[in-house]
Amino acid sequence: MRRLLILLFFLFAMVPPAYADAFVAGTEDIPLMPGLKTVPNATIVFDKPEGRIVEAQAQGSTTRAKVEDFYATSLPALGWKRTGPNQWQRDAERLRLEFSGGTGPVTVGFTLSPH
């Protein structure tokens, strides 16, 4: 029984949160919601001793509510804690999501910075 529980733990630990198959541009640990595509030439990445700074955008035919639900589910599984509306913190990093676009595709801006 103990071996079965250990096996199940490792199997579930390997499942990516919310089944994301890509990551936000400039990161390798923030999932990109399925249906969103990276906006070309809209990514800025700085690595500093204080931490990384990433600004990226993604766009897709979805709703803001669906994007918010995706990140509300997937980010806590990766250790992020909600600190406000569309704001998250993990260790010494802060993540902020911003939205634009009313009718048509939704554009999501991701800003990752040291806290």
N, C-alpha and C. Protein backbone atom coordinates (compact mmCIF):
# COMPACT_ATOMS: atom_id res chain seq x y z
N MET A 1 0.82 -1.19 0.00
CA MET A 1 0.00 0.00 0.00
C MET A 1 0.87 1.25 0.00
N ARG A 2 1.93 1.22 0.79
CA ARG A 2 2.81 2.38 0.88
C ARG A 2 3.47 2.66 -0.47
N ARG A 3 3.90 1.62 -1.16
CA ARG A 3 4.51 1.79 -2.49
C ARG A 3 3.52 2.39 -3.48
N LEU A 4 2.29 1.98 -3.40
CA LEU A 4 1.27 2.51 -4.29
C LEU A 4 1.06 4.01 -4.03
N LEU A 5 1.01 4.40 -2.78
CA LEU A 5 0.85 5.82 -2.44
C LEU A 5 2.04 6.65 -2.93
N ILE A 6 3.24 6.11 -2.78
CA ILE A 6 4.43 6.83 -3.26
C ILE A 6 4.39 6.96 -4.77
N LEU A 7 4.02 5.90 -5.45
CA LEU A 7 3.92 5.93 -6.91
C LEU A 7 2.88 6.96 -7.36
N LEU A 8 1.73 6.97 -6.72
CA LEU A 8 0.69 7.94 -7.07
C LEU A 8 1.15 9.37 -6.82
N PHE A 9 1.88 9.58 -5.73
CA PHE A 9 2.40 10.91 -5.43
C PHE A 9 3.29 11.40 -6.56
N PHE A 10 4.23 10.56 -7.01
CA PHE A 10 5.15 10.98 -8.05
C PHE A 10 4.44 11.16 -9.40
N LEU A 11 3.46 10.34 -9.67
CA LEU A 11 2.71 10.52 -10.92
C LEU A 11 1.97 11.85 -10.94
N PHE A 12 1.32 12.19 -9.84
CA PHE A 12 0.60 13.46 -9.78
C PHE A 12 1.55 14.65 -9.73
N ALA A 13 2.70 14.48 -9.13
CA ALA A 13 3.68 15.57 -9.06
C ALA A 13 4.23 15.92 -10.43
N MET A 14 4.21 14.96 -11.35
CA MET A 14 4.74 15.20 -12.69
C MET A 14 3.71 15.79 -13.64
N VAL A 15 2.45 15.87 -13.25
CA VAL A 15 1.42 16.42 -14.12
C VAL A 15 1.53 17.93 -14.11
N PRO A 16 1.69 18.58 -15.29
CA PRO A 16 1.79 20.03 -15.30
C PRO A 16 0.48 20.67 -14.88
N PRO A 17 0.53 21.81 -14.18
CA PRO A 17 -0.68 22.46 -13.72
C PRO A 17 -1.57 22.85 -14.88
N ALA A 18 -2.84 22.55 -14.75
CA ALA A 18 -3.86 22.93 -15.72
C ALA A 18 -3.50 22.51 -17.15
N TYR A 19 -2.63 21.53 -17.29
CA TYR A 19 -2.29 20.96 -18.58
C TYR A 19 -1.72 21.98 -19.56
N ALA A 20 -0.92 22.89 -19.09
CA ALA A 20 -0.26 23.86 -19.96
C ALA A 20 0.83 23.14 -20.74
N ASP A 21 0.95 23.47 -22.02
CA ASP A 21 2.00 22.84 -22.82
C ASP A 21 3.04 23.85 -23.28
N ALA A 22 2.94 25.08 -22.81
CA ALA A 22 3.91 26.12 -23.14
C ALA A 22 4.04 27.04 -21.93
N PHE A 23 5.04 27.89 -21.99
CA PHE A 23 5.27 28.83 -20.90
C PHE A 23 5.27 30.25 -21.43
N VAL A 24 4.98 31.19 -20.54
CA VAL A 24 5.02 32.60 -20.91
C VAL A 24 6.42 32.91 -21.41
N ALA A 25 6.50 33.66 -22.50
CA ALA A 25 7.79 33.99 -23.11
C ALA A 25 8.71 34.62 -22.07
N GLY A 26 9.97 34.19 -22.07
CA GLY A 26 10.95 34.71 -21.13
C GLY A 26 10.98 33.98 -19.80
N THR A 27 10.08 33.00 -19.62
CA THR A 27 10.05 32.21 -18.39
C THR A 27 10.06 30.73 -18.74
N GLU A 28 10.38 29.93 -17.76
CA GLU A 28 10.27 28.49 -17.94
C GLU A 28 9.43 27.88 -16.83
N ASP A 29 8.74 28.75 -16.08
CA ASP A 29 7.97 28.25 -14.95
C ASP A 29 6.60 28.92 -14.76
N ILE A 30 6.19 29.73 -15.71
CA ILE A 30 4.85 30.32 -15.67
C ILE A 30 4.10 29.80 -16.89
N PRO A 31 3.08 28.98 -16.67
CA PRO A 31 2.39 28.35 -17.80
C PRO A 31 1.67 29.38 -18.67
N LEU A 32 1.67 29.11 -19.96
CA LEU A 32 0.88 29.91 -20.90
C LEU A 32 -0.43 29.18 -21.11
N MET A 33 -1.51 29.85 -20.83
CA MET A 33 -2.84 29.24 -20.95
C MET A 33 -3.04 28.71 -22.37
N PRO A 34 -3.51 27.46 -22.50
CA PRO A 34 -3.83 26.95 -23.83
C PRO A 34 -4.82 27.90 -24.51
N GLY A 35 -4.57 28.19 -25.77
CA GLY A 35 -5.40 29.12 -26.51
C GLY A 35 -4.78 30.50 -26.62
N LEU A 36 -3.80 30.79 -25.76
CA LEU A 36 -3.07 32.05 -25.87
C LEU A 36 -1.80 31.81 -26.66
N LYS A 37 -1.42 32.81 -27.44
CA LYS A 37 -0.18 32.75 -28.22
C LYS A 37 0.66 33.97 -27.87
N THR A 38 1.95 33.77 -27.78
CA THR A 38 2.87 34.86 -27.49
C THR A 38 2.79 35.92 -28.58
N VAL A 39 2.74 37.19 -28.18
CA VAL A 39 2.76 38.30 -29.13
C VAL A 39 4.22 38.50 -29.54
N PRO A 40 4.52 38.37 -30.84
CA PRO A 40 5.91 38.51 -31.30
C PRO A 40 6.47 39.89 -30.96
N ASN A 41 7.75 39.94 -30.63
CA ASN A 41 8.48 41.18 -30.35
C ASN A 41 7.91 41.97 -29.18
N ALA A 42 7.22 41.30 -28.26
CA ALA A 42 6.63 42.00 -27.11
C ALA A 42 7.19 41.47 -25.80
N THR A 43 8.39 40.87 -25.85
CA THR A 43 8.99 40.29 -24.65
C THR A 43 10.29 41.00 -24.32
N ILE A 44 10.43 41.37 -23.06
CA ILE A 44 11.65 41.98 -22.55
C ILE A 44 12.09 41.17 -21.34
N VAL A 45 13.36 40.78 -21.30
CA VAL A 45 13.88 39.99 -20.19
C VAL A 45 15.18 40.61 -19.68
N PHE A 46 15.25 40.82 -18.37
CA PHE A 46 16.47 41.28 -17.71
C PHE A 46 16.75 40.34 -16.55
N ASP A 47 17.98 39.86 -16.46
CA ASP A 47 18.40 39.10 -15.28
C ASP A 47 19.34 39.99 -14.48
N LYS A 48 18.96 40.25 -13.25
CA LYS A 48 19.75 41.11 -12.38
C LYS A 48 20.07 40.35 -11.11
N PRO A 49 21.06 40.80 -10.36
CA PRO A 49 21.36 40.14 -9.09
C PRO A 49 20.17 40.13 -8.13
N GLU A 50 19.30 41.15 -8.22
CA GLU A 50 18.12 41.22 -7.35
C GLU A 50 17.01 40.29 -7.81
N GLY A 51 17.10 39.79 -9.04
CA GLY A 51 16.07 38.90 -9.59
C GLY A 51 15.80 39.23 -11.04
N ARG A 52 14.96 38.45 -11.65
CA ARG A 52 14.66 38.64 -13.06
C ARG A 52 13.49 39.60 -13.25
N ILE A 53 13.52 40.26 -14.37
CA ILE A 53 12.42 41.12 -14.79
C ILE A 53 12.00 40.63 -16.17
N VAL A 54 10.73 40.29 -16.28
CA VAL A 54 10.20 39.82 -17.55
C VAL A 54 8.91 40.57 -17.84
N GLU A 55 8.81 41.10 -19.05
CA GLU A 55 7.55 41.67 -19.52
C GLU A 55 7.23 40.95 -20.82
N ALA A 56 6.04 40.38 -20.88
CA ALA A 56 5.63 39.62 -22.06
C ALA A 56 4.14 39.82 -22.29
N GLN A 57 3.71 39.55 -23.52
CA GLN A 57 2.30 39.63 -23.85
C GLN A 57 1.89 38.37 -24.60
N ALA A 58 0.64 37.98 -24.38
CA ALA A 58 0.05 36.86 -25.10
C ALA A 58 -1.36 37.27 -25.48
N GLN A 59 -1.85 36.65 -26.55
CA GLN A 59 -3.16 37.03 -27.08
C GLN A 59 -3.90 35.79 -27.53
N GLY A 60 -5.24 35.84 -27.42
CA GLY A 60 -6.03 34.72 -27.87
C GLY A 60 -7.51 35.03 -27.88
N SER A 61 -8.24 34.17 -28.55
CA SER A 61 -9.69 34.30 -28.63
C SER A 61 -10.31 33.61 -27.43
N THR A 62 -10.32 34.30 -26.33
CA THR A 62 -10.89 33.78 -25.09
C THR A 62 -11.44 34.98 -24.32
N THR A 63 -11.82 34.76 -23.10
CA THR A 63 -12.32 35.86 -22.29
C THR A 63 -11.37 36.13 -21.13
N ARG A 64 -11.46 37.32 -20.62
CA ARG A 64 -10.65 37.67 -19.46
C ARG A 64 -10.97 36.75 -18.29
N ALA A 65 -12.25 36.44 -18.10
CA ALA A 65 -12.67 35.58 -16.99
C ALA A 65 -12.02 34.19 -17.10
N LYS A 66 -11.94 33.64 -18.30
CA LYS A 66 -11.32 32.32 -18.47
C LYS A 66 -9.82 32.38 -18.17
N VAL A 67 -9.18 33.47 -18.58
CA VAL A 67 -7.76 33.63 -18.30
C VAL A 67 -7.55 33.75 -16.79
N GLU A 68 -8.36 34.56 -16.13
CA GLU A 68 -8.24 34.72 -14.68
C GLU A 68 -8.47 33.39 -13.97
N ASP A 69 -9.45 32.62 -14.41
CA ASP A 69 -9.72 31.31 -13.80
C ASP A 69 -8.54 30.36 -13.98
N PHE A 70 -7.95 30.35 -15.18
CA PHE A 70 -6.81 29.48 -15.45
C PHE A 70 -5.66 29.78 -14.49
N TYR A 71 -5.32 31.05 -14.35
CA TYR A 71 -4.20 31.41 -13.48
C TYR A 71 -4.54 31.29 -12.00
N ALA A 72 -5.80 31.49 -11.64
CA ALA A 72 -6.21 31.30 -10.24
C ALA A 72 -6.06 29.83 -9.84
N THR A 73 -6.17 28.93 -10.80
CA THR A 73 -6.03 27.50 -10.54
C THR A 73 -4.59 27.03 -10.65
N SER A 74 -3.89 27.47 -11.69
CA SER A 74 -2.56 26.92 -11.96
C SER A 74 -1.45 27.55 -11.13
N LEU A 75 -1.51 28.85 -10.85
CA LEU A 75 -0.40 29.48 -10.13
C LEU A 75 -0.23 28.99 -8.70
N PRO A 76 -1.29 28.80 -7.91
CA PRO A 76 -1.08 28.26 -6.56
C PRO A 76 -0.41 26.88 -6.56
N ALA A 77 -0.67 26.09 -7.58
CA ALA A 77 -0.04 24.77 -7.67
C ALA A 77 1.46 24.90 -7.89
N LEU A 78 1.90 26.07 -8.34
CA LEU A 78 3.33 26.31 -8.57
C LEU A 78 3.96 27.14 -7.45
N GLY A 79 3.21 27.32 -6.36
CA GLY A 79 3.76 28.02 -5.21
C GLY A 79 3.47 29.51 -5.16
N TRP A 80 2.69 30.04 -6.11
CA TRP A 80 2.35 31.46 -6.11
C TRP A 80 1.19 31.71 -5.16
N LYS A 81 1.26 32.84 -4.44
CA LYS A 81 0.18 33.24 -3.54
C LYS A 81 -0.42 34.53 -4.05
N ARG A 82 -1.74 34.56 -4.08
CA ARG A 82 -2.44 35.76 -4.55
C ARG A 82 -2.26 36.89 -3.54
N THR A 83 -1.88 38.07 -4.04
CA THR A 83 -1.70 39.23 -3.17
C THR A 83 -2.68 40.34 -3.50
N GLY A 84 -3.45 40.16 -4.55
CA GLY A 84 -4.42 41.16 -4.97
C GLY A 84 -5.04 40.71 -6.29
N PRO A 85 -5.93 41.53 -6.84
CA PRO A 85 -6.52 41.17 -8.13
C PRO A 85 -5.44 41.03 -9.20
N ASN A 86 -5.32 39.85 -9.75
CA ASN A 86 -4.36 39.55 -10.81
C ASN A 86 -2.91 39.85 -10.40
N GLN A 87 -2.62 39.69 -9.13
CA GLN A 87 -1.27 39.87 -8.61
C GLN A 87 -0.90 38.67 -7.75
N TRP A 88 0.34 38.20 -7.92
CA TRP A 88 0.80 36.99 -7.25
C TRP A 88 2.22 37.20 -6.76
N GLN A 89 2.59 36.45 -5.73
CA GLN A 89 3.95 36.51 -5.21
C GLN A 89 4.42 35.10 -4.89
N ARG A 90 5.68 34.86 -5.23
CA ARG A 90 6.33 33.59 -4.87
C ARG A 90 7.78 33.92 -4.51
N ASP A 91 8.16 33.54 -3.32
CA ASP A 91 9.50 33.86 -2.82
C ASP A 91 9.75 35.36 -2.98
N ALA A 92 10.77 35.74 -3.72
CA ALA A 92 11.10 37.16 -3.87
C ALA A 92 10.62 37.73 -5.20
N GLU A 93 9.66 37.05 -5.85
CA GLU A 93 9.17 37.52 -7.15
C GLU A 93 7.70 37.90 -7.08
N ARG A 94 7.35 38.87 -7.89
CA ARG A 94 5.97 39.32 -8.00
C ARG A 94 5.53 39.16 -9.46
N LEU A 95 4.32 38.68 -9.67
CA LEU A 95 3.75 38.52 -11.00
C LEU A 95 2.46 39.31 -11.08
N ARG A 96 2.33 40.11 -12.13
CA ARG A 96 1.12 40.90 -12.34
C ARG A 96 0.59 40.62 -13.74
N LEU A 97 -0.72 40.42 -13.85
CA LEU A 97 -1.38 40.24 -15.13
C LEU A 97 -2.21 41.48 -15.42
N GLU A 98 -2.12 41.97 -16.65
CA GLU A 98 -2.92 43.11 -17.09
C GLU A 98 -3.63 42.71 -18.38
N PHE A 99 -4.82 43.25 -18.57
CA PHE A 99 -5.65 42.85 -19.70
C PHE A 99 -5.99 44.05 -20.58
N SER A 100 -6.06 43.80 -21.88
CA SER A 100 -6.55 44.81 -22.81
C SER A 100 -7.32 44.09 -23.91
N GLY A 101 -8.12 44.86 -24.60
CA GLY A 101 -8.95 44.29 -25.65
C GLY A 101 -10.36 44.09 -25.15
N GLY A 102 -11.29 44.67 -25.83
CA GLY A 102 -12.69 44.53 -25.43
C GLY A 102 -13.40 43.55 -26.32
N THR A 103 -13.62 43.96 -27.54
CA THR A 103 -14.22 43.05 -28.50
C THR A 103 -13.10 42.50 -29.36
N GLY A 104 -13.07 41.23 -29.53
CA GLY A 104 -12.00 40.60 -30.29
C GLY A 104 -11.07 39.88 -29.34
N PRO A 105 -9.85 39.62 -29.80
CA PRO A 105 -8.90 38.87 -28.97
C PRO A 105 -8.57 39.60 -27.67
N VAL A 106 -8.34 38.83 -26.63
CA VAL A 106 -7.91 39.36 -25.35
C VAL A 106 -6.38 39.35 -25.34
N THR A 107 -5.79 40.44 -24.90
CA THR A 107 -4.34 40.51 -24.75
C THR A 107 -4.03 40.53 -23.26
N VAL A 108 -3.11 39.66 -22.86
CA VAL A 108 -2.70 39.56 -21.46
C VAL A 108 -1.25 40.01 -21.38
N GLY A 109 -0.99 40.97 -20.50
CA GLY A 109 0.37 41.39 -20.22
C GLY A 109 0.85 40.73 -18.94
N PHE A 110 2.03 40.15 -18.99
CA PHE A 110 2.64 39.50 -17.85
C PHE A 110 3.85 40.32 -17.42
N THR A 111 3.90 40.73 -16.17
CA THR A 111 5.06 41.44 -15.64
C THR A 111 5.56 40.67 -14.42
N LEU A 112 6.78 40.20 -14.53
CA LEU A 112 7.44 39.46 -13.45
C LEU A 112 8.61 40.32 -12.97
N SER A 113 8.66 40.57 -11.68
CA SER A 113 9.72 41.43 -11.15
C SER A 113 10.08 41.01 -9.73
N PRO A 114 11.27 41.46 -9.27
CA PRO A 114 11.63 41.17 -7.88
C PRO A 114 10.70 41.89 -6.94
N HIS A 115 10.49 41.31 -5.79
CA HIS A 115 9.60 41.92 -4.79
C HIS A 115 10.38 42.87 -3.92
